[in-house]
Amino acid sequence: MKINRFEDLECWQEARKLVAMVYRSIKSDKAFQSDYRLRDQSTGAAISIMNNISEGWASQSNADFIRFLTYSRRSCAEVQNCFYVALDQEYVNENTHEEAYEQAKRVIYDYRRFIKILTISGAQRKWPPKTDQIVLTNRMVLTDLRSNDLNGLNDPNELNDLNDPNELNEP
């Protein structure tokens, strides 16, 4: 599937799922709904994830897009933290907390792979790239790395790291 708009990005799709989880969790508990500070912080952080992806997509370079993806990663960590508070206040159960935490981790993992690809493909390249340069398949972001696109890449095998399941456990 070619990427023609930000909605095609898997990281945005996964972030959207996280936003839905956050809202569902809040709607399912009256006390969570009434804790205005935590409710608003949780929804604000979740929405920020999606907003930064779309804003990064509209930026003028890979470097700008990477910066916005980094902001989104920070918001993912904020959602994870808010759900610890919600768990401690018994607004969510352990299972709901774990689901939201793991979904945020998936989003972070997708960002890491995408940031790596943007870095490899050249931080100064204008964004968005031609639609044949970046393709999304099977939970794996791929790029059309022709030999001239490998400039600056010390080791082409570095791309193999993109499928490393251990990267999911790293912050």
C-alpha atoms as a PDB file:
ATOM      1  CA  MET A   1       0.000   0.000   0.000  1.00  0.00           C
ATOM      2  CA  LYS A   2       1.435   3.347  -0.984  1.00  0.00           C
ATOM      3  CA  ILE A   3       1.457   6.245   1.414  1.00  0.00           C
ATOM      4  CA  ASN A   4      -0.417   9.156  -0.081  1.00  0.00           C
ATOM      5  CA  ARG A   5      -1.631  10.837   3.099  1.00  0.00           C
ATOM      6  CA  PHE A   6      -0.889  10.733   6.815  1.00  0.00           C
ATOM      7  CA  GLU A   7      -3.828   8.376   7.431  1.00  0.00           C
ATOM      8  CA  ASP A   8      -1.913   5.732   5.463  1.00  0.00           C
ATOM      9  CA  LEU A   9       0.926   5.718   7.993  1.00  0.00           C
ATOM     10  CA  GLU A  10       0.780   2.702  10.253  1.00  0.00           C
ATOM     11  CA  CYS A  11       2.067   4.720  13.211  1.00  0.00           C
ATOM     12  CA  TRP A  12      -0.942   7.054  12.819  1.00  0.00           C
ATOM     13  CA  GLN A  13      -3.331   4.098  12.584  1.00  0.00           C
ATOM     14  CA  GLU A  14      -1.870   2.544  15.739  1.00  0.00           C
ATOM     15  CA  ALA A  15      -2.025   5.912  17.513  1.00  0.00           C
ATOM     16  CA  ARG A  16      -5.690   6.158  16.574  1.00  0.00           C
ATOM     17  CA  LYS A  17      -6.304   2.798  18.257  1.00  0.00           C
ATOM     18  CA  LEU A  18      -4.587   4.105  21.389  1.00  0.00           C
ATOM     19  CA  VAL A  19      -6.791   7.218  21.409  1.00  0.00           C
ATOM     20  CA  ALA A  20      -9.865   4.983  21.173  1.00  0.00           C
ATOM     21  CA  MET A  21      -8.581   2.898  24.107  1.00  0.00           C
ATOM     22  CA  VAL A  22      -8.061   5.997  26.227  1.00  0.00           C
ATOM     23  CA  TYR A  23     -11.549   7.316  25.525  1.00  0.00           C
ATOM     24  CA  ARG A  24     -13.125   3.894  26.051  1.00  0.00           C
ATOM     25  CA  SER A  25     -11.381   3.562  29.420  1.00  0.00           C
ATOM     26  CA  ILE A  26     -12.570   6.974  30.559  1.00  0.00           C
ATOM     27  CA  LYS A  27     -16.148   6.358  29.404  1.00  0.00           C
ATOM     28  CA  SER A  28     -16.282   3.064  31.278  1.00  0.00           C
ATOM     29  CA  ASP A  29     -15.547   4.538  34.733  1.00  0.00           C
ATOM     30  CA  LYS A  30     -17.535   7.367  36.362  1.00  0.00           C
ATOM     31  CA  ALA A  31     -14.683   8.216  38.748  1.00  0.00           C
ATOM     32  CA  PHE A  32     -12.243   8.500  35.817  1.00  0.00           C
ATOM     33  CA  GLN A  33     -14.738  10.761  34.052  1.00  0.00           C
ATOM     34  CA  SER A  34     -14.944  12.958  37.153  1.00  0.00           C
ATOM     35  CA  ASP A  35     -11.188  13.253  37.639  1.00  0.00           C
ATOM     36  CA  TYR A  36     -11.001  16.194  35.257  1.00  0.00           C
ATOM     37  CA  ARG A  37      -7.271  16.730  35.546  1.00  0.00           C
ATOM     38  CA  LEU A  38      -6.314  13.125  34.783  1.00  0.00           C
ATOM     39  CA  ARG A  39      -9.067  12.703  32.184  1.00  0.00           C
ATOM     40  CA  ASP A  40      -8.006  15.815  30.297  1.00  0.00           C
ATOM     41  CA  GLN A  41      -4.302  15.013  30.589  1.00  0.00           C
ATOM     42  CA  SER A  42      -4.868  11.466  29.276  1.00  0.00           C
ATOM     43  CA  THR A  43      -7.007  12.527  26.331  1.00  0.00           C
ATOM     44  CA  GLY A  44      -4.774  15.503  25.553  1.00  0.00           C
ATOM     45  CA  ALA A  45      -1.648  13.353  25.446  1.00  0.00           C
ATOM     46  CA  ALA A  46      -3.359  10.707  23.303  1.00  0.00           C
ATOM     47  CA  ILE A  47      -4.700  13.256  20.835  1.00  0.00           C
ATOM     48  CA  SER A  48      -1.267  14.890  20.705  1.00  0.00           C
ATOM     49  CA  ILE A  49       0.184  11.636  19.384  1.00  0.00           C
ATOM     50  CA  MET A  50      -2.057  11.681  16.318  1.00  0.00           C
ATOM     51  CA  ASN A  51      -1.779  15.458  15.873  1.00  0.00           C
ATOM     52  CA  ASN A  52       2.012  15.396  15.808  1.00  0.00           C
ATOM     53  CA  ILE A  53       2.060  12.656  13.178  1.00  0.00           C
ATOM     54  CA  SER A  54      -0.231  14.639  10.906  1.00  0.00           C
ATOM     55  CA  GLU A  55       1.683  17.855  11.581  1.00  0.00           C
ATOM     56  CA  GLY A  56       4.989  16.098  10.866  1.00  0.00           C
ATOM     57  CA  TRP A  57       3.558  14.728   7.640  1.00  0.00           C
ATOM     58  CA  ALA A  58       2.813  18.289   6.535  1.00  0.00           C
ATOM     59  CA  SER A  59       6.324  19.466   7.396  1.00  0.00           C
ATOM     60  CA  GLN A  60       8.887  20.348   4.772  1.00  0.00           C
ATOM     61  CA  SER A  61      11.637  17.810   5.457  1.00  0.00           C
ATOM     62  CA  ASN A  62      12.455  14.466   6.970  1.00  0.00           C
ATOM     63  CA  ALA A  63      14.244  16.289   9.800  1.00  0.00           C
ATOM     64  CA  ASP A  64      11.062  18.177  10.701  1.00  0.00           C
ATOM     65  CA  PHE A  65       8.994  15.018  10.442  1.00  0.00           C
ATOM     66  CA  ILE A  66      11.425  13.209  12.759  1.00  0.00           C
ATOM     67  CA  ARG A  67      11.105  16.059  15.264  1.00  0.00           C
ATOM     68  CA  PHE A  68       7.305  15.736  15.290  1.00  0.00           C
ATOM     69  CA  LEU A  69       7.505  11.954  15.595  1.00  0.00           C
ATOM     70  CA  THR A  70       9.740  12.486  18.631  1.00  0.00           C
ATOM     71  CA  TYR A  71       7.066  14.698  20.177  1.00  0.00           C
ATOM     72  CA  SER A  72       4.550  11.924  19.538  1.00  0.00           C
ATOM     73  CA  ARG A  73       6.787   9.399  21.284  1.00  0.00           C
ATOM     74  CA  ARG A  74       6.899  11.672  24.319  1.00  0.00           C
ATOM     75  CA  SER A  75       3.112  11.834  24.335  1.00  0.00           C
ATOM     76  CA  CYS A  76       2.981   8.030  24.216  1.00  0.00           C
ATOM     77  CA  ALA A  77       5.070   7.917  27.383  1.00  0.00           C
ATOM     78  CA  GLU A  78       2.730  10.471  28.928  1.00  0.00           C
ATOM     79  CA  VAL A  79      -0.290   8.259  28.173  1.00  0.00           C
ATOM     80  CA  GLN A  80       1.530   5.293  29.725  1.00  0.00           C
ATOM     81  CA  ASN A  81       2.203   7.346  32.843  1.00  0.00           C
ATOM     82  CA  CYS A  82      -1.391   8.600  33.063  1.00  0.00           C
ATOM     83  CA  PHE A  83      -2.584   5.016  32.976  1.00  0.00           C
ATOM     84  CA  TYR A  84      -0.362   4.192  35.937  1.00  0.00           C
ATOM     85  CA  VAL A  85      -2.159   6.943  37.823  1.00  0.00           C
ATOM     86  CA  ALA A  86      -5.523   5.611  36.630  1.00  0.00           C
ATOM     87  CA  LEU A  87      -4.521   2.130  37.789  1.00  0.00           C
ATOM     88  CA  ASP A  88      -3.398   3.412  41.188  1.00  0.00           C
ATOM     89  CA  GLN A  89      -6.690   5.284  41.579  1.00  0.00           C
ATOM     90  CA  GLU A  90      -8.579   2.125  40.538  1.00  0.00           C
ATOM     91  CA  TYR A  91     -10.154   3.849  37.523  1.00  0.00           C
ATOM     92  CA  VAL A  92      -8.881   1.030  35.311  1.00  0.00           C
ATOM     93  CA  ASN A  93      -8.029  -2.569  36.090  1.00  0.00           C
ATOM     94  CA  GLU A  94      -4.652  -4.200  35.501  1.00  0.00           C
ATOM     95  CA  ASN A  95      -5.776  -5.652  32.166  1.00  0.00           C
ATOM     96  CA  THR A  96      -6.941  -2.286  30.793  1.00  0.00           C
ATOM     97  CA  HIS A  97      -3.751  -0.632  31.999  1.00  0.00           C
ATOM     98  CA  GLU A  98      -1.629  -3.317  30.332  1.00  0.00           C
ATOM     99  CA  GLU A  99      -3.555  -3.075  27.035  1.00  0.00           C
ATOM    100  CA  ALA A 100      -3.099   0.706  26.864  1.00  0.00           C
ATOM    101  CA  TYR A 101       0.552   0.438  27.896  1.00  0.00           C
ATOM    102  CA  GLU A 102       1.268  -2.195  25.230  1.00  0.00           C
ATOM    103  CA  GLN A 103      -0.576  -0.236  22.547  1.00  0.00           C
ATOM    104  CA  ALA A 104       1.538   2.825  23.376  1.00  0.00           C
ATOM    105  CA  LYS A 105       4.616   0.598  23.115  1.00  0.00           C
ATOM    106  CA  ARG A 106       3.505  -0.549  19.643  1.00  0.00           C
ATOM    107  CA  VAL A 107       3.124   3.071  18.557  1.00  0.00           C
ATOM    108  CA  ILE A 108       6.589   3.890  19.916  1.00  0.00           C
ATOM    109  CA  TYR A 109       8.044   0.884  18.106  1.00  0.00           C
ATOM    110  CA  ASP A 110       6.448   1.998  14.818  1.00  0.00           C
ATOM    111  CA  TYR A 111       7.919   5.486  15.317  1.00  0.00           C
ATOM    112  CA  ARG A 112      11.359   4.101  15.945  1.00  0.00           C
ATOM    113  CA  ARG A 113      11.286   2.127  12.707  1.00  0.00           C
ATOM    114  CA  PHE A 114       9.890   5.038  10.748  1.00  0.00           C
ATOM    115  CA  ILE A 115      12.397   7.515  12.216  1.00  0.00           C
ATOM    116  CA  LYS A 116      15.212   5.152  11.287  1.00  0.00           C
ATOM    117  CA  ILE A 117      13.971   4.945   7.714  1.00  0.00           C
ATOM    118  CA  LEU A 118      13.588   8.722   7.459  1.00  0.00           C
ATOM    119  CA  THR A 119      17.114   9.126   8.814  1.00  0.00           C
ATOM    120  CA  ILE A 120      18.547   6.575   6.399  1.00  0.00           C
ATOM    121  CA  SER A 121      16.744   8.115   3.431  1.00  0.00           C
ATOM    122  CA  GLY A 122      18.218  11.549   4.122  1.00  0.00           C
ATOM    123  CA  ALA A 123      17.285  14.160   6.687  1.00  0.00           C
ATOM    124  CA  GLN A 124      17.327  16.977   4.135  1.00  0.00           C
ATOM    125  CA  ARG A 125      15.030  15.341   1.588  1.00  0.00           C
ATOM    126  CA  LYS A 126      11.850  17.293   1.036  1.00  0.00           C
ATOM    127  CA  TRP A 127       8.721  15.814   2.515  1.00  0.00           C
ATOM    128  CA  PRO A 128       6.451  14.242   1.578  1.00  0.00           C
ATOM    129  CA  PRO A 129       8.484  11.980  -0.691  1.00  0.00           C
ATOM    130  CA  LYS A 130       7.205  10.571  -3.915  1.00  0.00           C
ATOM    131  CA  THR A 131       4.659   7.903  -3.105  1.00  0.00           C
ATOM    132  CA  ASP A 132       6.857   5.155  -4.567  1.00  0.00           C
ATOM    133  CA  GLN A 133       9.617   5.904  -2.050  1.00  0.00           C
ATOM    134  CA  ILE A 134       7.790   4.720   1.036  1.00  0.00           C
ATOM    135  CA  VAL A 135       5.465   1.750   1.152  1.00  0.00           C
ATOM    136  CA  LEU A 136       3.632   0.258   4.097  1.00  0.00           C
ATOM    137  CA  THR A 137       3.224  -3.509   4.228  1.00  0.00           C
ATOM    138  CA  ASN A 138       2.551  -6.069   6.908  1.00  0.00           C
ATOM    139  CA  ARG A 139       3.354  -3.929   9.966  1.00  0.00           C
ATOM    140  CA  MET A 140       6.706  -3.160   8.380  1.00  0.00           C
ATOM    141  CA  VAL A 141       7.649   0.175   6.923  1.00  0.00           C
ATOM    142  CA  LEU A 142       9.799  -0.325   3.854  1.00  0.00           C
ATOM    143  CA  THR A 143      11.565   2.147   1.698  1.00  0.00           C
ATOM    144  CA  ASP A 144      12.711   1.869  -1.873  1.00  0.00           C
ATOM    145  CA  LEU A 145      16.422   2.085  -1.117  1.00  0.00           C
ATOM    146  CA  ARG A 146      18.141   2.254  -4.442  1.00  0.00           C
ATOM    147  CA  SER A 147      21.921   2.389  -4.315  1.00  0.00           C
ATOM    148  CA  ASN A 148      21.965   6.205  -4.357  1.00  0.00           C
ATOM    149  CA  ASP A 149      19.604   6.238  -1.353  1.00  0.00           C
ATOM    150  CA  LEU A 150      22.166   4.356   0.731  1.00  0.00           C
ATOM    151  CA  ASN A 151      24.506   7.350   0.911  1.00  0.00           C
ATOM    152  CA  GLY A 152      25.368   8.016   4.520  1.00  0.00           C
ATOM    153  CA  LEU A 153      24.371   4.534   5.625  1.00  0.00           C
ATOM    154  CA  ASN A 154      27.445   2.900   7.134  1.00  0.00           C
ATOM    155  CA  ASP A 155      26.068  -0.611   7.035  1.00  0.00           C
ATOM    156  CA  PRO A 156      23.163  -1.593   4.744  1.00  0.00           C
ATOM    157  CA  ASN A 157      22.471  -4.448   7.181  1.00  0.00           C
ATOM    158  CA  GLU A 158      21.333  -1.759   9.613  1.00  0.00           C
ATOM    159  CA  LEU A 159      17.936  -2.094   7.944  1.00  0.00           C
ATOM    160  CA  ASN A 160      17.677  -5.590   9.434  1.00  0.00           C
ATOM    161  CA  ASP A 161      17.341  -3.935  12.856  1.00  0.00           C
ATOM    162  CA  LEU A 162      13.913  -2.712  11.778  1.00  0.00           C
ATOM    163  CA  ASN A 163      12.493  -6.196  12.314  1.00  0.00           C
ATOM    164  CA  ASP A 164      14.251  -6.860  15.614  1.00  0.00           C
ATOM    165  CA  PRO A 165      11.514  -7.767  18.127  1.00  0.00           C
ATOM    166  CA  ASN A 166      13.842  -6.805  20.984  1.00  0.00           C
ATOM    167  CA  GLU A 167      13.601  -3.173  19.882  1.00  0.00           C
ATOM    168  CA  LEU A 168      10.020  -3.193  21.169  1.00  0.00           C
ATOM    169  CA  ASN A 169      11.383  -3.498  24.696  1.00  0.00           C
ATOM    170  CA  GLU A 170      13.707  -0.524  24.402  1.00  0.00           C
ATOM    171  CA  PRO A 171      12.478   2.961  25.331  1.00  0.00           C
END
